Amino acid sequence: MLSRIAFLLAAAVLGFMPLSAQAASECPVVGTMSSWGVNSTGYFNVSSGGRCLFPVKLDGVIAGSTVSQKPAHGTLKKVNASTYTYTAKAGYKGNDAFAVSFTGKGPSGSGTSVITLNATVQ
């Protein structure tokens, strides 16, 4: 089983926090993971032009990750295999979404899990 998603994007698993213009803050994301090989969805808020850092914490070891779907109204940058930074387009307000595929091995199995994140840009 995988632990709760611990994404961090304007404050990452289970909530939201304001961001500074300079540095990306962890953003809480609401959502849960069940096991390797099962896709998941998360939700977070970010301000227009804001930046969110989100590390993904899964039980076991993350061997690698790739962007499956790029955001339409922002940018996504890979920091390392388990951490990404999302930056919302300045002046944009509305919804955005992106997906990241994570491959790894946990205590009860291995495989690839796609995590889709839905942003509300305010």
C-alpha atoms as a PDB file:
ATOM      1  CA  MET A   1       0.000   0.000   0.000  1.00  0.00           C
ATOM      2  CA  LEU A   2       1.113   3.516  -0.677  1.00  0.00           C
ATOM      3  CA  SER A   3       0.977   6.226   1.918  1.00  0.00           C
ATOM      4  CA  ARG A   4      -1.068   9.384   1.513  1.00  0.00           C
ATOM      5  CA  ILE A   5       0.078  11.628  -1.293  1.00  0.00           C
ATOM      6  CA  ALA A   6       2.323  14.285   0.166  1.00  0.00           C
ATOM      7  CA  PHE A   7       2.353  16.729  -2.710  1.00  0.00           C
ATOM      8  CA  LEU A   8       3.388  20.193  -1.845  1.00  0.00           C
ATOM      9  CA  LEU A   9       2.160  23.079  -4.132  1.00  0.00           C
ATOM     10  CA  ALA A  10       1.352  26.725  -2.491  1.00  0.00           C
ATOM     11  CA  ALA A  11       1.240  24.772   0.934  1.00  0.00           C
ATOM     12  CA  ALA A  12       1.215  19.354  -0.825  1.00  0.00           C
ATOM     13  CA  VAL A  13      -1.007  16.548   0.445  1.00  0.00           C
ATOM     14  CA  LEU A  14      -4.259  17.755   2.002  1.00  0.00           C
ATOM     15  CA  GLY A  15      -4.339  21.575   1.815  1.00  0.00           C
ATOM     16  CA  PHE A  16      -3.124  24.920   0.543  1.00  0.00           C
ATOM     17  CA  MET A  17      -0.755  27.704   1.587  1.00  0.00           C
ATOM     18  CA  PRO A  18       0.139  31.102   0.105  1.00  0.00           C
ATOM     19  CA  LEU A  19       3.296  31.375  -1.954  1.00  0.00           C
ATOM     20  CA  SER A  20       5.878  34.091  -2.114  1.00  0.00           C
ATOM     21  CA  ALA A  21       6.876  35.526  -5.464  1.00  0.00           C
ATOM     22  CA  GLN A  22      10.471  34.377  -4.920  1.00  0.00           C
ATOM     23  CA  ALA A  23      10.422  30.792  -3.695  1.00  0.00           C
ATOM     24  CA  ALA A  24       8.145  27.836  -4.228  1.00  0.00           C
ATOM     25  CA  SER A  25       6.350  26.665  -1.103  1.00  0.00           C
ATOM     26  CA  GLU A  26       4.914  23.273  -0.430  1.00  0.00           C
ATOM     27  CA  CYS A  27       1.248  23.130  -1.399  1.00  0.00           C
ATOM     28  CA  PRO A  28      -1.187  20.740   0.209  1.00  0.00           C
ATOM     29  CA  VAL A  29      -2.915  18.413  -2.201  1.00  0.00           C
ATOM     30  CA  VAL A  30      -6.083  16.573  -1.278  1.00  0.00           C
ATOM     31  CA  GLY A  31      -5.975  12.926  -2.359  1.00  0.00           C
ATOM     32  CA  THR A  32      -4.838   9.420  -1.414  1.00  0.00           C
ATOM     33  CA  MET A  33      -2.833   6.633  -3.043  1.00  0.00           C
ATOM     34  CA  SER A  34      -3.860   2.995  -2.751  1.00  0.00           C
ATOM     35  CA  SER A  35      -1.035   0.876  -4.222  1.00  0.00           C
ATOM     36  CA  TRP A  36       1.607   0.762  -6.944  1.00  0.00           C
ATOM     37  CA  GLY A  37       0.003   0.395 -10.345  1.00  0.00           C
ATOM     38  CA  VAL A  38      -3.170   2.272  -9.337  1.00  0.00           C
ATOM     39  CA  ASN A  39      -3.745   5.764 -10.728  1.00  0.00           C
ATOM     40  CA  SER A  40      -4.657   8.616  -8.377  1.00  0.00           C
ATOM     41  CA  THR A  41      -6.001  12.173  -8.498  1.00  0.00           C
ATOM     42  CA  GLY A  42      -5.171  15.186  -6.320  1.00  0.00           C
ATOM     43  CA  TYR A  43      -6.498  18.741  -6.000  1.00  0.00           C
ATOM     44  CA  PHE A  44      -4.798  21.966  -4.911  1.00  0.00           C
ATOM     45  CA  ASN A  45      -5.128  25.774  -5.045  1.00  0.00           C
ATOM     46  CA  VAL A  46      -2.486  28.223  -6.213  1.00  0.00           C
ATOM     47  CA  SER A  47      -2.497  31.956  -6.876  1.00  0.00           C
ATOM     48  CA  SER A  48      -2.160  33.330 -10.407  1.00  0.00           C
ATOM     49  CA  GLY A  49       1.574  33.487 -11.115  1.00  0.00           C
ATOM     50  CA  GLY A  50       2.224  31.443  -7.960  1.00  0.00           C
ATOM     51  CA  ARG A  51       4.634  28.558  -7.677  1.00  0.00           C
ATOM     52  CA  CYS A  52       4.146  25.266  -5.829  1.00  0.00           C
ATOM     53  CA  LEU A  53       6.677  22.647  -4.855  1.00  0.00           C
ATOM     54  CA  PHE A  54       5.365  19.157  -4.365  1.00  0.00           C
ATOM     55  CA  PRO A  55       7.286  16.075  -3.297  1.00  0.00           C
ATOM     56  CA  VAL A  56       5.477  12.769  -3.714  1.00  0.00           C
ATOM     57  CA  LYS A  57       5.988  10.280  -0.901  1.00  0.00           C
ATOM     58  CA  LEU A  58       5.064   6.676  -1.614  1.00  0.00           C
ATOM     59  CA  ASP A  59       5.772   3.561   0.445  1.00  0.00           C
ATOM     60  CA  GLY A  60       8.890   1.989  -1.001  1.00  0.00           C
ATOM     61  CA  VAL A  61      11.317   3.405  -3.536  1.00  0.00           C
ATOM     62  CA  ILE A  62      10.535   5.653  -6.507  1.00  0.00           C
ATOM     63  CA  ALA A  63      12.794   4.490  -9.357  1.00  0.00           C
ATOM     64  CA  GLY A  64      11.796   7.221 -11.785  1.00  0.00           C
ATOM     65  CA  SER A  65       9.131   9.631 -12.968  1.00  0.00           C
ATOM     66  CA  THR A  66       8.060  11.433 -16.130  1.00  0.00           C
ATOM     67  CA  VAL A  67       5.476  14.063 -17.021  1.00  0.00           C
ATOM     68  CA  SER A  68       2.524  12.290 -18.685  1.00  0.00           C
ATOM     69  CA  GLN A  69       0.464  15.431 -19.332  1.00  0.00           C
ATOM     70  CA  LYS A  70       1.838  18.970 -19.327  1.00  0.00           C
ATOM     71  CA  PRO A  71      -0.197  21.777 -17.753  1.00  0.00           C
ATOM     72  CA  ALA A  72      -2.042  24.017 -20.228  1.00  0.00           C
ATOM     73  CA  HIS A  73      -1.846  27.205 -18.115  1.00  0.00           C
ATOM     74  CA  GLY A  74       1.506  26.932 -16.376  1.00  0.00           C
ATOM     75  CA  THR A  75       4.826  25.126 -16.335  1.00  0.00           C
ATOM     76  CA  LEU A  76       6.006  21.972 -14.598  1.00  0.00           C
ATOM     77  CA  LYS A  77       9.664  21.406 -13.718  1.00  0.00           C
ATOM     78  CA  LYS A  78      11.200  18.169 -12.431  1.00  0.00           C
ATOM     79  CA  VAL A  79      13.426  18.723  -9.395  1.00  0.00           C
ATOM     80  CA  ASN A  80      14.193  15.007  -8.898  1.00  0.00           C
ATOM     81  CA  ALA A  81      12.381  11.647  -9.311  1.00  0.00           C
ATOM     82  CA  SER A  82       9.916  12.433  -6.518  1.00  0.00           C
ATOM     83  CA  THR A  83       9.618  16.250  -6.576  1.00  0.00           C
ATOM     84  CA  TYR A  84       8.154  18.704  -9.111  1.00  0.00           C
ATOM     85  CA  THR A  85       7.508  22.453  -9.185  1.00  0.00           C
ATOM     86  CA  TYR A  86       4.359  23.866 -10.811  1.00  0.00           C
ATOM     87  CA  THR A  87       4.171  27.558 -11.757  1.00  0.00           C
ATOM     88  CA  ALA A  88       0.788  29.012 -12.739  1.00  0.00           C
ATOM     89  CA  LYS A  89       0.758  31.453 -15.660  1.00  0.00           C
ATOM     90  CA  ALA A  90       0.656  35.064 -14.429  1.00  0.00           C
ATOM     91  CA  GLY A  91      -2.721  36.677 -15.100  1.00  0.00           C
ATOM     92  CA  TYR A  92      -4.497  33.337 -15.584  1.00  0.00           C
ATOM     93  CA  LYS A  93      -7.379  32.362 -13.318  1.00  0.00           C
ATOM     94  CA  GLY A  94      -9.250  29.103 -13.725  1.00  0.00           C
ATOM     95  CA  ASN A  95      -8.502  25.405 -13.830  1.00  0.00           C
ATOM     96  CA  ASP A  96      -5.360  23.589 -14.933  1.00  0.00           C
ATOM     97  CA  ALA A  97      -4.275  19.953 -14.792  1.00  0.00           C
ATOM     98  CA  PHE A  98      -1.174  17.857 -15.308  1.00  0.00           C
ATOM     99  CA  ALA A  99      -0.125  14.248 -14.717  1.00  0.00           C
ATOM    100  CA  VAL A 100       3.105  12.570 -13.616  1.00  0.00           C
ATOM    101  CA  SER A 101       3.921   8.838 -13.957  1.00  0.00           C
ATOM    102  CA  PHE A 102       5.912   7.323 -11.082  1.00  0.00           C
ATOM    103  CA  THR A 103       7.604   3.919 -11.315  1.00  0.00           C
ATOM    104  CA  GLY A 104       8.829   2.087  -8.255  1.00  0.00           C
ATOM    105  CA  LYS A 105       8.584  -0.742  -5.787  1.00  0.00           C
ATOM    106  CA  GLY A 106       6.781  -0.874  -2.472  1.00  0.00           C
ATOM    107  CA  PRO A 107       6.279  -3.406   0.301  1.00  0.00           C
ATOM    108  CA  SER A 108       3.328  -5.036  -1.472  1.00  0.00           C
ATOM    109  CA  GLY A 109       4.293  -4.748  -5.145  1.00  0.00           C
ATOM    110  CA  SER A 110       5.786  -2.694  -7.915  1.00  0.00           C
ATOM    111  CA  GLY A 111       4.623  -0.867 -11.017  1.00  0.00           C
ATOM    112  CA  THR A 112       3.719   2.514 -12.453  1.00  0.00           C
ATOM    113  CA  SER A 113       1.206   4.905 -10.937  1.00  0.00           C
ATOM    114  CA  VAL A 114      -0.049   8.000 -12.768  1.00  0.00           C
ATOM    115  CA  ILE A 115      -0.956  10.893 -10.480  1.00  0.00           C
ATOM    116  CA  THR A 116      -3.163  13.574 -12.025  1.00  0.00           C
ATOM    117  CA  LEU A 117      -3.188  16.949 -10.273  1.00  0.00           C
ATOM    118  CA  ASN A 118      -6.001  19.433 -10.754  1.00  0.00           C
ATOM    119  CA  ALA A 119      -5.192  23.045  -9.923  1.00  0.00           C
ATOM    120  CA  THR A 120      -7.565  25.857  -9.144  1.00  0.00           C
ATOM    121  CA  VAL A 121      -5.642  29.009 -10.101  1.00  0.00           C
ATOM    122  CA  GLN A 122      -6.978  32.008  -8.181  1.00  0.00           C
END
